[in-house]
PDB file of N, CA and C in Angstrom:
ATOM      1  N   MET A   1     -78.157-156.224 -22.903  1.00  0.00           N
ATOM      2  CA  MET A   1     -77.208-155.956 -21.904  1.00  0.00           C
ATOM      3  C   MET A   1     -77.445-156.832 -20.593  1.00  0.00           C
ATOM      4  N   THR A   2     -76.479-157.438 -19.926  1.00  0.00           N
ATOM      5  CA  THR A   2     -76.717-158.373 -18.893  1.00  0.00           C
ATOM      6  C   THR A   2     -76.903-157.393 -17.564  1.00  0.00           C
ATOM      7  N   ASP A   3     -77.370-157.851 -16.412  1.00  0.00           N
ATOM      8  CA  ASP A   3     -77.411-157.012 -15.380  1.00  0.00           C
ATOM      9  C   ASP A   3     -75.873-156.709 -14.780  1.00  0.00           C
ATOM     10  N   ASP A   4     -74.998-157.924 -14.950  1.00  0.00           N
ATOM     11  CA  ASP A   4     -73.672-157.417 -14.591  1.00  0.00           C
ATOM     12  C   ASP A   4     -73.112-156.153 -15.519  1.00  0.00           C
ATOM     13  N   GLU A   5     -73.476-156.190 -16.716  1.00  0.00           N
ATOM     14  CA  GLU A   5     -72.830-155.129 -17.891  1.00  0.00           C
ATOM     15  C   GLU A   5     -73.546-153.952 -17.226  1.00  0.00           C
ATOM     16  N   ARG A   6     -74.645-153.692 -17.008  1.00  0.00           N
ATOM     17  CA  ARG A   6     -75.608-152.576 -16.565  1.00  0.00           C
ATOM     18  C   ARG A   6     -74.931-151.853 -15.160  1.00  0.00           C
ATOM     19  N   THR A   7     -74.513-152.842 -14.432  1.00  0.00           N
ATOM     20  CA  THR A   7     -74.060-152.365 -13.008  1.00  0.00           C
ATOM     21  C   THR A   7     -72.581-151.888 -13.372  1.00  0.00           C
ATOM     22  N   ASP A   8     -71.891-152.531 -14.256  1.00  0.00           N
ATOM     23  CA  ASP A   8     -70.464-152.073 -14.543  1.00  0.00           C
ATOM     24  C   ASP A   8     -70.537-150.731 -15.163  1.00  0.00           C
ATOM     25  N   GLU A   9     -71.556-150.387 -15.938  1.00  0.00           N
ATOM     26  CA  GLU A   9     -71.580-149.214 -16.643  1.00  0.00           C
ATOM     27  C   GLU A   9     -71.987-148.108 -15.616  1.00  0.00           C
ATOM     28  N   ALA A  10     -72.961-148.426 -14.741  1.00  0.00           N
ATOM     29  CA  ALA A  10     -73.242-147.564 -13.695  1.00  0.00           C
ATOM     30  C   ALA A  10     -71.940-147.353 -12.764  1.00  0.00           C
ATOM     31  N   LEU A  11     -71.272-148.270 -12.422  1.00  0.00           N
ATOM     32  CA  LEU A  11     -70.096-147.724 -11.506  1.00  0.00           C
ATOM     33  C   LEU A  11     -69.261-146.980 -12.562  1.00  0.00           C
ATOM     34  N   ARG A  12     -68.717-147.316 -13.633  1.00  0.00           N
ATOM     35  CA  ARG A  12     -68.011-146.388 -14.428  1.00  0.00           C
ATOM     36  C   ARG A  12     -68.461-144.980 -14.499  1.00  0.00           C
ATOM     37  N   ALA A  13     -69.750-144.813 -14.885  1.00  0.00           N
ATOM     38  CA  ALA A  13     -70.440-143.616 -14.834  1.00  0.00           C
ATOM     39  C   ALA A  13     -70.347-142.668 -13.360  1.00  0.00           C
ATOM     40  N   LEU A  14     -70.500-143.383 -12.343  1.00  0.00           N
ATOM     41  CA  LEU A  14     -70.426-142.838 -10.989  1.00  0.00           C
ATOM     42  C   LEU A  14     -69.038-142.669 -10.610  1.00  0.00           C
ATOM     43  N   ALA A  15     -68.062-143.170 -11.241  1.00  0.00           N
ATOM     44  CA  ALA A  15     -66.567-143.274 -10.918  1.00  0.00           C
ATOM     45  C   ALA A  15     -66.171-141.490 -10.954  1.00  0.00           C
ATOM     46  N   GLU A  16     -66.810-140.552 -11.820  1.00  0.00           N
ATOM     47  CA  GLU A  16     -66.243-139.319 -11.791  1.00  0.00           C
ATOM     48  C   GLU A  16     -67.154-138.593 -10.928  1.00  0.00           C
ATOM     49  N   PRO A  17     -66.567-137.737 -10.102  1.00  0.00           N
ATOM     50  CA  PRO A  17     -67.270-136.967  -8.970  1.00  0.00           C
ATOM     51  C   PRO A  17     -68.111-135.918  -9.427  1.00  0.00           C
ATOM     52  N   ARG A  18     -67.734-135.337 -10.713  1.00  0.00           N
ATOM     53  CA  ARG A  18     -68.829-134.422 -11.406  1.00  0.00           C
ATOM     54  C   ARG A  18     -70.174-135.026 -11.723  1.00  0.00           C
ATOM     55  N   ARG A  19     -69.831-136.290 -12.090  1.00  0.00           N
ATOM     56  CA  ARG A  19     -71.328-137.143 -12.548  1.00  0.00           C
ATOM     57  C   ARG A  19     -72.061-137.464 -11.478  1.00  0.00           C
ATOM     58  N   ARG A  20     -71.353-137.858 -10.273  1.00  0.00           N
ATOM     59  CA  ARG A  20     -72.077-137.978  -8.988  1.00  0.00           C
ATOM     60  C   ARG A  20     -72.804-136.630  -8.811  1.00  0.00           C
ATOM     61  N   ALA A  21     -72.166-135.548  -8.645  1.00  0.00           N
ATOM     62  CA  ALA A  21     -72.736-134.359  -8.516  1.00  0.00           C
ATOM     63  C   ALA A  21     -73.922-133.787  -9.190  1.00  0.00           C
ATOM     64  N   ILE A  22     -73.766-134.137 -10.502  1.00  0.00           N
ATOM     65  CA  ILE A  22     -74.990-134.154 -11.388  1.00  0.00           C
ATOM     66  C   ILE A  22     -76.320-135.044 -10.995  1.00  0.00           C
ATOM     67  N   LEU A  23     -75.922-136.261 -10.858  1.00  0.00           N
ATOM     68  CA  LEU A  23     -77.013-136.893 -10.065  1.00  0.00           C
ATOM     69  C   LEU A  23     -77.643-136.742  -9.106  1.00  0.00           C
ATOM     70  N   ARG A  24     -76.868-136.029  -8.180  1.00  0.00           N
ATOM     71  CA  ARG A  24     -77.393-135.497  -6.859  1.00  0.00           C
ATOM     72  C   ARG A  24     -78.334-134.327  -7.167  1.00  0.00           C
ATOM     73  N   LEU A  25     -77.939-133.552  -8.081  1.00  0.00           N
ATOM     74  CA  LEU A  25     -78.774-132.376  -8.553  1.00  0.00           C
ATOM     75  C   LEU A  25     -80.136-132.689  -8.921  1.00  0.00           C
ATOM     76  N   VAL A  26     -80.234-133.709  -9.771  1.00  0.00           N
ATOM     77  CA  VAL A  26     -81.322-134.058 -10.452  1.00  0.00           C
ATOM     78  C   VAL A  26     -82.056-135.142  -9.652  1.00  0.00           C
ATOM     79  N   ALA A  27     -81.744-135.513  -8.551  1.00  0.00           N
ATOM     80  CA  ALA A  27     -82.084-136.665  -7.667  1.00  0.00           C
ATOM     81  C   ALA A  27     -83.766-136.365  -7.484  1.00  0.00           C
ATOM     82  N   ASN A  28     -84.168-135.055  -6.965  1.00  0.00           N
ATOM     83  CA  ASN A  28     -85.507-134.645  -6.722  1.00  0.00           C
ATOM     84  C   ASN A  28     -85.891-133.736  -7.591  1.00  0.00           C
ATOM     85  N   ASP A  29     -85.305-133.146  -8.304  1.00  0.00           N
ATOM     86  CA  ASP A  29     -85.998-131.885  -9.497  1.00  0.00           C
ATOM     87  C   ASP A  29     -85.495-132.451 -10.864  1.00  0.00           C
ATOM     88  N   GLU A  30     -86.241-132.095 -11.759  1.00  0.00           N
ATOM     89  CA  GLU A  30     -86.057-132.128 -13.126  1.00  0.00           C
ATOM     90  C   GLU A  30     -85.368-130.830 -13.358  1.00  0.00           C
ATOM     91  N   LEU A  31     -84.184-130.868 -14.084  1.00  0.00           N
ATOM     92  CA  LEU A  31     -83.551-129.596 -14.330  1.00  0.00           C
ATOM     93  C   LEU A  31     -83.193-129.821 -15.693  1.00  0.00           C
ATOM     94  N   ALA A  32     -82.980-128.352 -16.421  1.00  0.00           N
ATOM     95  CA  ALA A  32     -82.626-128.269 -17.818  1.00  0.00           C
ATOM     96  C   ALA A  32     -81.083-128.308 -17.818  1.00  0.00           C
ATOM     97  N   ALA A  33     -80.669-128.793 -18.993  1.00  0.00           N
ATOM     98  CA  ALA A  33     -79.103-128.835 -19.132  1.00  0.00           C
ATOM     99  C   ALA A  33     -78.457-127.543 -18.673  1.00  0.00           C
ATOM    100  N   GLY A  34     -78.812-126.466 -18.993  1.00  0.00           N
ATOM    101  CA  GLY A  34     -78.350-125.341 -19.000  1.00  0.00           C
ATOM    102  C   GLY A  34     -78.457-125.073 -17.316  1.00  0.00           C
ATOM    103  N   GLU A  35     -79.403-125.372 -16.655  1.00  0.00           N
ATOM    104  CA  GLU A  35     -79.460-125.237 -15.047  1.00  0.00           C
ATOM    105  C   GLU A  35     -78.296-126.091 -14.461  1.00  0.00           C
ATOM    106  N   ILE A  36     -78.275-127.316 -14.880  1.00  0.00           N
ATOM    107  CA  ILE A  36     -77.152-128.068 -14.303  1.00  0.00           C
ATOM    108  C   ILE A  36     -75.822-127.649 -14.719  1.00  0.00           C
ATOM    109  N   ALA A  37     -75.601-127.144 -15.915  1.00  0.00           N
ATOM    110  CA  ALA A  37     -74.240-126.575 -16.240  1.00  0.00           C
ATOM    111  C   ALA A  37     -73.857-125.423 -15.565  1.00  0.00           C
ATOM    112  N   GLU A  38     -74.812-124.565 -15.108  1.00  0.00           N
ATOM    113  CA  GLU A  38     -74.503-123.474 -14.222  1.00  0.00           C
ATOM    114  C   GLU A  38     -73.923-123.668 -12.763  1.00  0.00           C
ATOM    115  N   SER A  39     -74.043-124.969 -12.315  1.00  0.00           N
ATOM    116  CA  SER A  39     -73.840-125.394 -11.198  1.00  0.00           C
ATOM    117  C   SER A  39     -72.277-125.863 -11.229  1.00  0.00           C
ATOM    118  N   PHE A  40     -71.671-125.776 -12.325  1.00  0.00           N
ATOM    119  CA  PHE A  40     -70.118-126.449 -12.760  1.00  0.00           C
ATOM    120  C   PHE A  40     -69.393-125.293 -13.261  1.00  0.00           C
ATOM    121  N   ASP A  41     -68.059-125.418 -12.932  1.00  0.00           N
ATOM    122  CA  ASP A  41     -67.010-124.623 -13.591  1.00  0.00           C
ATOM    123  C   ASP A  41     -66.334-125.221 -14.646  1.00  0.00           C
ATOM    124  N   VAL A  42     -67.271-125.759 -15.573  1.00  0.00           N
ATOM    125  CA  VAL A  42     -66.750-126.572 -16.858  1.00  0.00           C
ATOM    126  C   VAL A  42     -67.672-125.957 -17.799  1.00  0.00           C
ATOM    127  N   SER A  43     -67.221-126.113 -19.215  1.00  0.00           N
ATOM    128  CA  SER A  43     -68.167-125.857 -20.285  1.00  0.00           C
ATOM    129  C   SER A  43     -69.457-126.581 -20.439  1.00  0.00           C
ATOM    130  N   ARG A  44     -70.325-125.959 -21.191  1.00  0.00           N
ATOM    131  CA  ARG A  44     -71.791-126.703 -21.375  1.00  0.00           C
ATOM    132  C   ARG A  44     -71.569-127.930 -22.136  1.00  0.00           C
ATOM    133  N   THR A  45     -70.468-128.176 -23.006  1.00  0.00           N
ATOM    134  CA  THR A  45     -70.075-129.199 -23.880  1.00  0.00           C
ATOM    135  C   THR A  45     -69.825-130.350 -22.807  1.00  0.00           C
ATOM    136  N   ALA A  46     -68.856-130.007 -21.764  1.00  0.00           N
ATOM    137  CA  ALA A  46     -68.374-131.113 -21.037  1.00  0.00           C
ATOM    138  C   ALA A  46     -69.541-131.549 -20.175  1.00  0.00           C
ATOM    139  N   VAL A  47     -70.362-130.592 -19.784  1.00  0.00           N
ATOM    140  CA  VAL A  47     -71.679-130.951 -18.915  1.00  0.00           C
ATOM    141  C   VAL A  47     -72.591-132.175 -19.773  1.00  0.00           C
ATOM    142  N   SER A  48     -72.674-131.639 -21.093  1.00  0.00           N
ATOM    143  CA  SER A  48     -73.410-132.384 -21.901  1.00  0.00           C
ATOM    144  C   SER A  48     -73.064-133.901 -22.104  1.00  0.00           C
ATOM    145  N   GLN A  49     -71.536-133.809 -22.094  1.00  0.00           N
ATOM    146  CA  GLN A  49     -71.003-135.211 -22.195  1.00  0.00           C
ATOM    147  C   GLN A  49     -71.205-136.234 -21.013  1.00  0.00           C
ATOM    148  N   HIS A  50     -71.067-135.483 -19.795  1.00  0.00           N
ATOM    149  CA  HIS A  50     -71.520-136.218 -18.467  1.00  0.00           C
ATOM    150  C   HIS A  50     -72.981-136.627 -18.587  1.00  0.00           C
ATOM    151  N   LEU A  51     -73.788-135.679 -19.022  1.00  0.00           N
ATOM    152  CA  LEU A  51     -75.311-136.246 -18.842  1.00  0.00           C
ATOM    153  C   LEU A  51     -75.512-137.283 -20.064  1.00  0.00           C
ATOM    154  N   THR A  52     -74.702-137.424 -20.975  1.00  0.00           N
ATOM    155  CA  THR A  52     -74.807-138.317 -22.083  1.00  0.00           C
ATOM    156  C   THR A  52     -74.525-139.752 -21.240  1.00  0.00           C
ATOM    157  N   VAL A  53     -73.311-139.631 -20.714  1.00  0.00           N
ATOM    158  CA  VAL A  53     -72.693-140.973 -20.051  1.00  0.00           C
ATOM    159  C   VAL A  53     -73.750-141.415 -19.036  1.00  0.00           C
ATOM    160  N   LEU A  54     -74.294-140.583 -18.101  1.00  0.00           N
ATOM    161  CA  LEU A  54     -75.031-140.873 -17.105  1.00  0.00           C
ATOM    162  C   LEU A  54     -76.578-141.513 -17.734  1.00  0.00           C
ATOM    163  N   LYS A  55     -76.946-140.934 -18.849  1.00  0.00           N
ATOM    164  CA  LYS A  55     -78.121-141.246 -19.482  1.00  0.00           C
ATOM    165  C   LYS A  55     -78.034-142.794 -20.115  1.00  0.00           C
ATOM    166  N   ASN A  56     -76.754-143.050 -20.746  1.00  0.00           N
ATOM    167  CA  ASN A  56     -76.315-144.149 -21.503  1.00  0.00           C
ATOM    168  C   ASN A  56     -76.317-145.247 -20.441  1.00  0.00           C
ATOM    169  N   ALA A  57     -75.880-144.942 -19.134  1.00  0.00           N
ATOM    170  CA  ALA A  57     -75.802-145.757 -18.018  1.00  0.00           C
ATOM    171  C   ALA A  57     -77.241-146.165 -17.415  1.00  0.00           C
ATOM    172  N   GLY A  58     -78.251-145.477 -17.947  1.00  0.00           N
ATOM    173  CA  GLY A  58     -79.413-145.621 -17.314  1.00  0.00           C
ATOM    174  C   GLY A  58     -79.701-145.188 -16.126  1.00  0.00           C
ATOM    175  N   LEU A  59     -79.171-143.822 -15.740  1.00  0.00           N
ATOM    176  CA  LEU A  59     -79.198-143.418 -14.482  1.00  0.00           C
ATOM    177  C   LEU A  59     -79.903-142.032 -14.646  1.00  0.00           C
ATOM    178  N   LEU A  60     -80.305-141.604 -15.851  1.00  0.00           N
ATOM    179  CA  LEU A  60     -80.984-140.307 -15.865  1.00  0.00           C
ATOM    180  C   LEU A  60     -82.013-140.647 -16.974  1.00  0.00           C
ATOM    181  N   ASP A  61     -83.162-139.888 -16.820  1.00  0.00           N
ATOM    182  CA  ASP A  61     -84.117-139.792 -17.939  1.00  0.00           C
ATOM    183  C   ASP A  61     -84.025-138.399 -18.586  1.00  0.00           C
ATOM    184  N   GLU A  62     -84.275-138.338 -19.918  1.00  0.00           N
ATOM    185  CA  GLU A  62     -84.352-137.008 -20.603  1.00  0.00           C
ATOM    186  C   GLU A  62     -85.471-136.750 -21.206  1.00  0.00           C
ATOM    187  N   ARG A  63     -86.004-135.577 -20.974  1.00  0.00           N
ATOM    188  CA  ARG A  63     -87.545-135.261 -21.591  1.00  0.00           C
ATOM    189  C   ARG A  63     -87.252-133.940 -22.461  1.00  0.00           C
ATOM    190  N   ARG A  64     -87.745-133.887 -23.467  1.00  0.00           N
ATOM    191  CA  ARG A  64     -87.617-132.650 -24.328  1.00  0.00           C
ATOM    192  C   ARG A  64     -88.953-131.862 -23.902  1.00  0.00           C
ATOM    193  N   ASP A  65     -88.633-130.390 -23.711  1.00  0.00           N
ATOM    194  CA  ASP A  65     -89.612-129.491 -23.592  1.00  0.00           C
ATOM    195  C   ASP A  65     -89.377-128.302 -24.624  1.00  0.00           C
ATOM    196  N   GLY A  66     -89.891-128.365 -25.809  1.00  0.00           N
ATOM    197  CA  GLY A  66     -89.592-127.528 -26.754  1.00  0.00           C
ATOM    198  C   GLY A  66     -88.126-127.543 -27.186  1.00  0.00           C
ATOM    199  N   THR A  67     -87.297-126.508 -27.060  1.00  0.00           N
ATOM    200  CA  THR A  67     -85.832-126.794 -27.275  1.00  0.00           C
ATOM    201  C   THR A  67     -84.974-127.143 -26.331  1.00  0.00           C
ATOM    202  N   ARG A  68     -85.535-127.310 -24.867  1.00  0.00           N
ATOM    203  CA  ARG A  68     -84.913-127.611 -23.661  1.00  0.00           C
ATOM    204  C   ARG A  68     -85.041-129.265 -23.403  1.00  0.00           C
ATOM    205  N   ARG A  69     -83.834-129.527 -22.864  1.00  0.00           N
ATOM    206  CA  ARG A  69     -83.668-131.034 -22.477  1.00  0.00           C
ATOM    207  C   ARG A  69     -83.641-130.877 -20.873  1.00  0.00           C
ATOM    208  N   LEU A  70     -84.542-131.694 -20.444  1.00  0.00           N
ATOM    209  CA  LEU A  70     -84.765-131.711 -19.021  1.00  0.00           C
ATOM    210  C   LEU A  70     -84.334-133.011 -18.400  1.00  0.00           C
ATOM    211  N   TYR A  71     -83.785-133.285 -17.397  1.00  0.00           N
ATOM    212  CA  TYR A  71     -83.043-134.326 -16.954  1.00  0.00           C
ATOM    213  C   TYR A  71     -83.690-134.697 -15.492  1.00  0.00           C
ATOM    214  N   ARG A  72     -83.700-135.812 -15.266  1.00  0.00           N
ATOM    215  CA  ARG A  72     -84.130-136.425 -13.929  1.00  0.00           C
ATOM    216  C   ARG A  72     -83.399-137.545 -13.528  1.00  0.00           C
ATOM    217  N   ALA A  73     -83.184-138.009 -12.500  1.00  0.00           N
ATOM    218  CA  ALA A  73     -82.387-139.290 -12.084  1.00  0.00           C
ATOM    219  C   ALA A  73     -83.675-140.233 -12.322  1.00  0.00           C
ATOM    220  N   ARG A  74     -83.152-141.268 -12.580  1.00  0.00           N
ATOM    221  CA  ARG A  74     -84.098-142.483 -12.575  1.00  0.00           C
ATOM    222  C   ARG A  74     -83.657-143.431 -11.437  1.00  0.00           C
ATOM    223  N   PRO A  75     -84.621-143.538 -10.478  1.00  0.00           N
ATOM    224  CA  PRO A  75     -84.485-144.293  -9.499  1.00  0.00           C
ATOM    225  C   PRO A  75     -84.133-145.845  -9.621  1.00  0.00           C
ATOM    226  N   ASP A  76     -84.816-146.223 -10.749  1.00  0.00           N
ATOM    227  CA  ASP A  76     -84.548-147.607 -10.923  1.00  0.00           C
ATOM    228  C   ASP A  76     -83.248-148.044 -11.690  1.00  0.00           C
ATOM    229  N   GLY A  77     -82.672-146.910 -12.066  1.00  0.00           N
ATOM    230  CA  GLY A  77     -81.221-146.908 -12.747  1.00  0.00           C
ATOM    231  C   GLY A  77     -80.257-147.462 -11.709  1.00  0.00           C
ATOM    232  N   LEU A  78     -80.483-147.349 -10.504  1.00  0.00           N
ATOM    233  CA  LEU A  78     -79.476-147.609  -9.443  1.00  0.00           C
ATOM    234  C   LEU A  78     -79.771-148.822  -8.778  1.00  0.00           C
ATOM    235  N   ALA A  79     -80.838-149.648  -9.379  1.00  0.00           N
ATOM    236  CA  ALA A  79     -81.324-151.059  -8.856  1.00  0.00           C
ATOM    237  C   ALA A  79     -80.356-151.965  -9.038  1.00  0.00           C
ATOM    238  N   GLY A  80     -79.664-152.139 -10.113  1.00  0.00           N
ATOM    239  CA  GLY A  80     -78.770-153.162 -10.244  1.00  0.00           C
ATOM    240  C   GLY A  80     -77.368-152.963  -9.306  1.00  0.00           C
ATOM    241  N   LEU A  81     -76.985-151.754  -9.266  1.00  0.00           N
ATOM    242  CA  LEU A  81     -75.873-151.130  -8.472  1.00  0.00           C
ATOM    243  C   LEU A  81     -76.238-151.527  -6.932  1.00  0.00           C
ATOM    244  N   ARG A  82     -77.432-151.147  -6.651  1.00  0.00           N
ATOM    245  CA  ARG A  82     -77.976-151.214  -5.031  1.00  0.00           C
ATOM    246  C   ARG A  82     -77.869-152.790  -4.988  1.00  0.00           C
ATOM    247  N   GLN A  83     -78.369-153.542  -5.646  1.00  0.00           N
ATOM    248  CA  GLN A  83     -78.485-155.135  -5.408  1.00  0.00           C
ATOM    249  C   GLN A  83     -77.073-155.538  -5.332  1.00  0.00           C
ATOM    250  N   PHE A  84     -76.201-155.122  -6.104  1.00  0.00           N
ATOM    251  CA  PHE A  84     -74.805-155.616  -6.101  1.00  0.00           C
ATOM    252  C   PHE A  84     -74.114-155.285  -4.794  1.00  0.00           C
ATOM    253  N   LEU A  85     -74.450-154.149  -4.179  1.00  0.00           N
ATOM    254  CA  LEU A  85     -73.892-153.743  -2.971  1.00  0.00           C
ATOM    255  C   LEU A  85     -74.466-154.460  -1.718  1.00  0.00           C
ATOM    256  N   ASP A  86     -75.733-154.684  -1.997  1.00  0.00           N
ATOM    257  CA  ASP A  86     -76.580-155.397  -1.066  1.00  0.00           C
ATOM    258  C   ASP A  86     -75.883-156.839  -0.775  1.00  0.00           C
ATOM    259  N   ASP A  87     -75.855-157.519  -1.946  1.00  0.00           N
ATOM    260  CA  ASP A  87     -75.194-158.859  -2.121  1.00  0.00           C
ATOM    261  C   ASP A  87     -73.788-158.920  -1.238  1.00  0.00           C
ATOM    262  N   MET A  88     -72.751-157.937  -1.844  1.00  0.00           N
ATOM    263  CA  MET A  88     -71.661-157.788  -1.283  1.00  0.00           C
ATOM    264  C   MET A  88     -71.606-157.643   0.211  1.00  0.00           C
ATOM    265  N   TRP A  89     -72.558-156.729   0.670  1.00  0.00           N
ATOM    266  CA  TRP A  89     -72.693-156.377   2.107  1.00  0.00           C
ATOM    267  C   TRP A  89     -73.038-157.636   2.986  1.00  0.00           C
ATOM    268  N   ALA A  90     -73.940-158.238   2.537  1.00  0.00           N
ATOM    269  CA  ALA A  90     -74.711-159.628   3.086  1.00  0.00           C
ATOM    270  C   ALA A  90     -73.734-160.655   3.047  1.00  0.00           C
ATOM    271  N   SER A  91     -72.795-160.656   2.100  1.00  0.00           N
ATOM    272  CA  SER A  91     -71.600-161.728   2.199  1.00  0.00           C
ATOM    273  C   SER A  91     -70.491-161.243   2.849  1.00  0.00           C
ATOM    274  N   SER A  92     -70.176-159.988   2.824  1.00  0.00           N
ATOM    275  CA  SER A  92     -69.218-159.450   4.183  1.00  0.00           C
ATOM    276  C   SER A  92     -69.736-159.729   5.428  1.00  0.00           C
ATOM    277  N   LEU A  93     -70.898-159.667   5.781  1.00  0.00           N
ATOM    278  CA  LEU A  93     -71.200-159.741   7.135  1.00  0.00           C
ATOM    279  C   LEU A  93     -71.272-161.207   7.521  1.00  0.00           C
ATOM    280  N   ASP A  94     -71.780-162.083   6.468  1.00  0.00           N
ATOM    281  CA  ASP A  94     -71.589-163.379   6.683  1.00  0.00           C
ATOM    282  C   ASP A  94     -70.242-163.835   6.947  1.00  0.00           C
ATOM    283  N   THR A  95     -69.167-163.361   6.241  1.00  0.00           N
ATOM    284  CA  THR A  95     -67.784-163.673   6.409  1.00  0.00           C
ATOM    285  C   THR A  95     -67.392-163.392   7.611  1.00  0.00           C
ATOM    286  N   ALA A  96     -67.872-162.099   8.242  1.00  0.00           N
ATOM    287  CA  ALA A  96     -67.351-161.730   9.497  1.00  0.00           C
ATOM    288  C   ALA A  96     -68.032-162.464  10.653  1.00  0.00           C
ATOM    289  N   ARG A  97     -69.304-162.926  10.304  1.00  0.00           N
ATOM    290  CA  ARG A  97     -69.815-163.641  11.331  1.00  0.00           C
ATOM    291  C   ARG A  97     -69.129-165.091  11.512  1.00  0.00           C
ATOM    292  N   ARG A  98     -68.705-165.720  10.236  1.00  0.00           N
ATOM    293  CA  ARG A  98     -67.906-166.917  10.464  1.00  0.00           C
ATOM    294  C   ARG A  98     -66.704-166.887  11.164  1.00  0.00           C
ATOM    295  N   LEU A  99     -66.102-165.754  10.753  1.00  0.00           N
ATOM    296  CA  LEU A  99     -64.623-165.470  11.436  1.00  0.00           C
ATOM    297  C   LEU A  99     -64.776-165.274  12.870  1.00  0.00           C
ATOM    298  N   VAL A 100     -65.688-164.509  13.407  1.00  0.00           N
ATOM    299  CA  VAL A 100     -65.912-164.402  14.822  1.00  0.00           C
ATOM    300  C   VAL A 100     -66.505-165.658  15.558  1.00  0.00           C
ATOM    301  N   GLU A 101     -67.057-166.485  14.781  1.00  0.00           N
ATOM    302  CA  GLU A 101     -67.550-167.613  15.461  1.00  0.00           C
ATOM    303  C   GLU A 101     -66.384-168.764  15.383  1.00  0.00           C
ATOM    304  N   ALA A 102     -65.526-168.800  14.281  1.00  0.00           N
ATOM    305  CA  ALA A 102     -64.362-169.629  14.190  1.00  0.00           C
ATOM    306  C   ALA A 102     -63.243-169.212  15.501  1.00  0.00           C
ATOM    307  N   GLU A 103     -63.182-167.844  15.509  1.00  0.00           N
ATOM    308  CA  GLU A 103     -62.438-167.453  16.816  1.00  0.00           C
ATOM    309  C   GLU A 103     -62.671-167.767  18.094  1.00  0.00           C
ATOM    310  N   ARG A 104     -64.133-167.827  18.130  1.00  0.00           N
ATOM    311  CA  ARG A 104     -64.571-168.314  19.529  1.00  0.00           C
ATOM    312  C   ARG A 104     -64.887-169.697  19.627  1.00  0.00           C
ATOM    313  N   GLY A 105     -64.723-170.548  18.342  1.00  0.00           N
ATOM    314  CA  GLY A 105     -64.662-171.870  18.493  1.00  0.00           C
ATOM    315  C   GLY A 105     -66.214-172.382  18.369  1.00  0.00           C
ATOM    316  N   ILE A 106     -66.819-171.596  17.668  1.00  0.00           N
ATOM    317  CA  ILE A 106     -68.449-171.843  17.599  1.00  0.00           C
ATOM    318  C   ILE A 106     -68.345-172.420  16.001  1.00  0.00           C
ATOM    319  N   GLY A 107     -68.808-173.785  15.887  1.00  0.00           N
ATOM    320  CA  GLY A 107     -69.181-174.330  14.711  1.00  0.00           C
ATOM    321  C   GLY A 107     -70.404-174.096  14.006  1.00  0.00           C
ATOM    322  N   GLU A 108     -70.513-174.555  12.823  1.00  0.00           N
ATOM    323  CA  GLU A 108     -71.789-174.528  12.117  1.00  0.00           C
ATOM    324  C   GLU A 108     -72.960-175.222  12.846  1.00  0.00           C
ATOM    325  N   ASP A 109     -72.342-176.448  13.449  1.00  0.00           N
ATOM    326  CA  ASP A 109     -73.522-177.122  13.969  1.00  0.00           C
ATOM    327  C   ASP A 109     -73.818-176.672  15.290  1.00  0.00           C
ATOM    328  N   ASP A 110     -72.902-175.997  16.201  1.00  0.00           N
ATOM    329  CA  ASP A 110     -73.133-175.241  17.277  1.00  0.00           C
ATOM    330  C   ASP A 110     -74.108-174.207  17.086  1.00  0.00           C
ATOM    331  N   THR A 111     -74.114-173.508  15.841  1.00  0.00           N
ATOM    332  CA  THR A 111     -74.897-172.507  15.491  1.00  0.00           C
ATOM    333  C   THR A 111     -76.368-172.734  15.286  1.00  0.00           C
ATOM    334  N   ALA A 112     -76.465-174.098  14.400  1.00  0.00           N
ATOM    335  CA  ALA A 112     -77.832-174.627  14.040  1.00  0.00           C
ATOM    336  C   ALA A 112     -78.401-174.974  15.378  1.00  0.00           C
ATOM    337  N   ARG A 113     -77.668-175.631  16.272  1.00  0.00           N
ATOM    338  CA  ARG A 113     -78.340-176.295  17.319  1.00  0.00           C
ATOM    339  C   ARG A 113     -78.808-175.045  18.410  1.00  0.00           C
ATOM    340  N   GLY A 114     -78.189-173.829  18.407  1.00  0.00           N
ATOM    341  CA  GLY A 114     -78.410-172.712  19.271  1.00  0.00           C
ATOM    342  C   GLY A 114     -79.795-172.151  18.801  1.00  0.00           C
ATOM    343  N   SER A 115     -80.057-172.318  17.487  1.00  0.00           N
ATOM    344  CA  SER A 115     -81.259-171.747  16.987  1.00  0.00           C
ATOM    345  C   SER A 115     -82.549-172.535  17.084  1.00  0.00           C
ATOM    346  N   ALA A 116     -82.363-173.760  17.374  1.00  0.00           N
ATOM    347  CA  ALA A 116     -83.470-174.865  17.121  1.00  0.00           C
ATOM    348  C   ALA A 116     -84.094-174.901  18.387  1.00  0.00           C
TER     349      ALA A 116
END
C-alpha cells in the first residue's frame, strides 16, 4: 500500500465522528473493547466494526489479554496524514505569501535581494 493510499484510508476512517471519539478515548490509555463500547449509545457490534476500520487504517493497535481485546492508538498511524496536512499547510502559506507580495508589488527578485 502506498503512502497516499494509507493517508486516504486514514481520512476515510476519521471521517466518521464516532471513530474520532474512539481514537480520542484510546489516545493515552489502552482500553478493552467493552470499555470503549460503554462510552457509546450503540451496539457492541457497531463499536467492533468501528474498531476494525480504525485498526485496518493503521490507527489502532490491538493486543489480546486472555479473552479480552485491548486497543491503543498508534501515534505513527497518523504520520502520513500529519505529513499530508503539513505539506498542504506549507503550500497554503507559500501561496498566501505570494499573493500578498503580488498585491504589494514585490516580486521574487525583490524577495531574494531583501534576504541577501
